[in-house]
Amino acid sequence: MTDTRYPDLPVPEVRNTPTPKRSEREPILPKNPKKDK
């Protein structure tokens, strides 16, 4: 599930941090289009 959202990011680390994951999701949104390009 997170693999698709954070392919470059560490899946184990993101899963370990459920609270910060919400904050990281915000900056990842704008980063998504940049990586897509």
PDB file of N, CA and C in Angstrom:
ATOM      1  N   MET A   1       0.846  -1.208   0.000  1.00  0.00           N
ATOM      2  CA  MET A   1       0.000   0.000   0.000  1.00  0.00           C
ATOM      3  C   MET A   1       0.884   1.263   0.000  1.00  0.00           C
ATOM      4  N   THR A   2       1.840   1.277   0.927  1.00  0.00           N
ATOM      5  CA  THR A   2       2.723   2.470   0.990  1.00  0.00           C
ATOM      6  C   THR A   2       3.772   2.385  -0.116  1.00  0.00           C
ATOM      7  N   ASP A   3       4.023   1.191  -0.578  1.00  0.00           N
ATOM      8  CA  ASP A   3       5.056   1.021  -1.627  1.00  0.00           C
ATOM      9  C   ASP A   3       4.742   1.913  -2.829  1.00  0.00           C
ATOM     10  N   THR A   4       3.475   1.997  -3.154  1.00  0.00           N
ATOM     11  CA  THR A   4       3.088   2.798  -4.336  1.00  0.00           C
ATOM     12  C   THR A   4       3.158   4.288  -4.008  1.00  0.00           C
ATOM     13  N   ARG A   5       2.909   4.623  -2.781  1.00  0.00           N
ATOM     14  CA  ARG A   5       2.913   6.044  -2.384  1.00  0.00           C
ATOM     15  C   ARG A   5       4.364   6.487  -2.136  1.00  0.00           C
ATOM     16  N   TYR A   6       5.134   5.648  -1.488  1.00  0.00           N
ATOM     17  CA  TYR A   6       6.530   6.030  -1.183  1.00  0.00           C
ATOM     18  C   TYR A   6       7.496   4.970  -1.725  1.00  0.00           C
ATOM     19  N   PRO A   7       7.639   4.921  -3.021  1.00  0.00           N
ATOM     20  CA  PRO A   7       8.526   3.924  -3.642  1.00  0.00           C
ATOM     21  C   PRO A   7       9.990   4.239  -3.343  1.00  0.00           C
ATOM     22  N   ASP A   8      10.293   5.507  -3.286  1.00  0.00           N
ATOM     23  CA  ASP A   8      11.676   5.922  -3.009  1.00  0.00           C
ATOM     24  C   ASP A   8      11.933   5.971  -1.501  1.00  0.00           C
ATOM     25  N   LEU A   9      10.860   6.271  -0.764  1.00  0.00           N
ATOM     26  CA  LEU A   9      11.005   6.393   0.697  1.00  0.00           C
ATOM     27  C   LEU A   9      11.026   5.003   1.336  1.00  0.00           C
ATOM     28  N   PRO A  10      11.598   4.902   2.509  1.00  0.00           N
ATOM     29  CA  PRO A  10      11.654   3.616   3.220  1.00  0.00           C
ATOM     30  C   PRO A  10      10.273   3.188   3.715  1.00  0.00           C
ATOM     31  N   VAL A  11       9.797   2.102   3.230  1.00  0.00           N
ATOM     32  CA  VAL A  11       8.452   1.638   3.621  1.00  0.00           C
ATOM     33  C   VAL A  11       8.388   1.291   5.111  1.00  0.00           C
ATOM     34  N   PRO A  12       9.417   0.642   5.626  1.00  0.00           N
ATOM     35  CA  PRO A  12       9.407   0.254   7.052  1.00  0.00           C
ATOM     36  C   PRO A  12       9.413   1.488   7.957  1.00  0.00           C
ATOM     37  N   GLU A  13      10.125   2.502   7.522  1.00  0.00           N
ATOM     38  CA  GLU A  13      10.209   3.719   8.353  1.00  0.00           C
ATOM     39  C   GLU A  13       8.872   4.470   8.319  1.00  0.00           C
ATOM     40  N   VAL A  14       8.304   4.570   7.167  1.00  0.00           N
ATOM     41  CA  VAL A  14       7.031   5.310   7.023  1.00  0.00           C
ATOM     42  C   VAL A  14       5.938   4.603   7.823  1.00  0.00           C
ATOM     43  N   ARG A  15       5.994   3.293   7.838  1.00  0.00           N
ATOM     44  CA  ARG A  15       4.945   2.530   8.541  1.00  0.00           C
ATOM     45  C   ARG A  15       5.181   2.660  10.048  1.00  0.00           C
ATOM     46  N   ASN A  16       6.424   2.776  10.416  1.00  0.00           N
ATOM     47  CA  ASN A  16       6.747   2.894  11.845  1.00  0.00           C
ATOM     48  C   ASN A  16       6.249   4.234  12.392  1.00  0.00           C
ATOM     49  N   THR A  17       6.185   5.215  11.520  1.00  0.00           N
ATOM     50  CA  THR A  17       5.756   6.559  11.973  1.00  0.00           C
ATOM     51  C   THR A  17       4.370   6.885  11.406  1.00  0.00           C
ATOM     52  N   PRO A  18       3.344   6.448  12.069  1.00  0.00           N
ATOM     53  CA  PRO A  18       1.966   6.696  11.612  1.00  0.00           C
ATOM     54  C   PRO A  18       1.556   8.154  11.839  1.00  0.00           C
ATOM     55  N   THR A  19       2.097   8.754  12.864  1.00  0.00           N
ATOM     56  CA  THR A  19       1.736  10.163  13.162  1.00  0.00           C
ATOM     57  C   THR A  19       2.432  11.126  12.192  1.00  0.00           C
ATOM     58  N   PRO A  20       3.732  11.021  12.031  1.00  0.00           N
ATOM     59  CA  PRO A  20       4.464  11.911  11.115  1.00  0.00           C
ATOM     60  C   PRO A  20       4.106  11.617   9.666  1.00  0.00           C
ATOM     61  N   LYS A  21       3.623  10.428   9.443  1.00  0.00           N
ATOM     62  CA  LYS A  21       3.256  10.056   8.053  1.00  0.00           C
ATOM     63  C   LYS A  21       2.235  11.080   7.506  1.00  0.00           C
ATOM     64  N   ARG A  22       1.403  11.568   8.348  1.00  0.00           N
ATOM     65  CA  ARG A  22       0.357  12.527   7.904  1.00  0.00           C
ATOM     66  C   ARG A  22       1.067  13.822   7.448  1.00  0.00           C
ATOM     67  N   SER A  23       2.017  14.244   8.201  1.00  0.00           N
ATOM     68  CA  SER A  23       2.721  15.510   7.869  1.00  0.00           C
ATOM     69  C   SER A  23       3.547  15.300   6.586  1.00  0.00           C
ATOM     70  N   GLU A  24       4.130  14.143   6.473  1.00  0.00           N
ATOM     71  CA  GLU A  24       4.976  13.866   5.291  1.00  0.00           C
ATOM     72  C   GLU A  24       4.095  13.750   4.040  1.00  0.00           C
ATOM     73  N   ARG A  25       2.882  13.369   4.245  1.00  0.00           N
ATOM     74  CA  ARG A  25       1.980  13.165   3.080  1.00  0.00           C
ATOM     75  C   ARG A  25       1.733  14.537   2.397  1.00  0.00           C
ATOM     76  N   GLU A  26       1.751  15.566   3.152  1.00  0.00           N
ATOM     77  CA  GLU A  26       1.488  16.914   2.569  1.00  0.00           C
ATOM     78  C   GLU A  26       2.583  17.299   1.557  1.00  0.00           C
ATOM     79  N   PRO A  27       3.830  17.237   1.953  1.00  0.00           N
ATOM     80  CA  PRO A  27       4.935  17.611   1.048  1.00  0.00           C
ATOM     81  C   PRO A  27       5.080  16.602  -0.082  1.00  0.00           C
ATOM     82  N   ILE A  28       4.642  15.402   0.160  1.00  0.00           N
ATOM     83  CA  ILE A  28       4.772  14.353  -0.879  1.00  0.00           C
ATOM     84  C   ILE A  28       3.788  14.619  -2.020  1.00  0.00           C
ATOM     85  N   LEU A  29       2.686  15.245  -1.693  1.00  0.00           N
ATOM     86  CA  LEU A  29       1.666  15.533  -2.721  1.00  0.00           C
ATOM     87  C   LEU A  29       2.271  16.357  -3.864  1.00  0.00           C
ATOM     88  N   PRO A  30       2.911  17.449  -3.542  1.00  0.00           N
ATOM     89  CA  PRO A  30       3.526  18.300  -4.573  1.00  0.00           C
ATOM     90  C   PRO A  30       4.738  17.615  -5.197  1.00  0.00           C
ATOM     91  N   LYS A  31       5.360  16.757  -4.442  1.00  0.00           N
ATOM     92  CA  LYS A  31       6.553  16.057  -4.958  1.00  0.00           C
ATOM     93  C   LYS A  31       6.123  14.975  -5.968  1.00  0.00           C
ATOM     94  N   ASN A  32       4.933  14.492  -5.817  1.00  0.00           N
ATOM     95  CA  ASN A  32       4.433  13.428  -6.705  1.00  0.00           C
ATOM     96  C   ASN A  32       4.491  13.855  -8.176  1.00  0.00           C
ATOM     97  N   PRO A  33       3.988  15.024  -8.480  1.00  0.00           N
ATOM     98  CA  PRO A  33       3.973  15.499  -9.875  1.00  0.00           C
ATOM     99  C   PRO A  33       5.395  15.727 -10.384  1.00  0.00           C
ATOM    100  N   LYS A  34       6.259  16.120  -9.492  1.00  0.00           N
ATOM    101  CA  LYS A  34       7.659  16.373  -9.897  1.00  0.00           C
ATOM    102  C   LYS A  34       8.326  15.043 -10.288  1.00  0.00           C
ATOM    103  N   LYS A  35       8.054  14.038  -9.533  1.00  0.00           N
ATOM    104  CA  LYS A  35       8.663  12.723  -9.811  1.00  0.00           C
ATOM    105  C   LYS A  35       8.000  12.109 -11.056  1.00  0.00           C
ATOM    106  N   ASP A  36       6.743  12.367 -11.204  1.00  0.00           N
ATOM    107  CA  ASP A  36       6.004  11.818 -12.354  1.00  0.00           C
ATOM    108  C   ASP A  36       6.602  12.351 -13.660  1.00  0.00           C
ATOM    109  N   LYS A  37       7.010  13.599 -13.616  1.00  0.00           N
ATOM    110  CA  LYS A  37       7.580  14.250 -14.810  1.00  0.00           C
ATOM    111  C   LYS A  37       8.901  13.580 -15.148  1.00  0.00           C
TER     112      LYS A  37
END
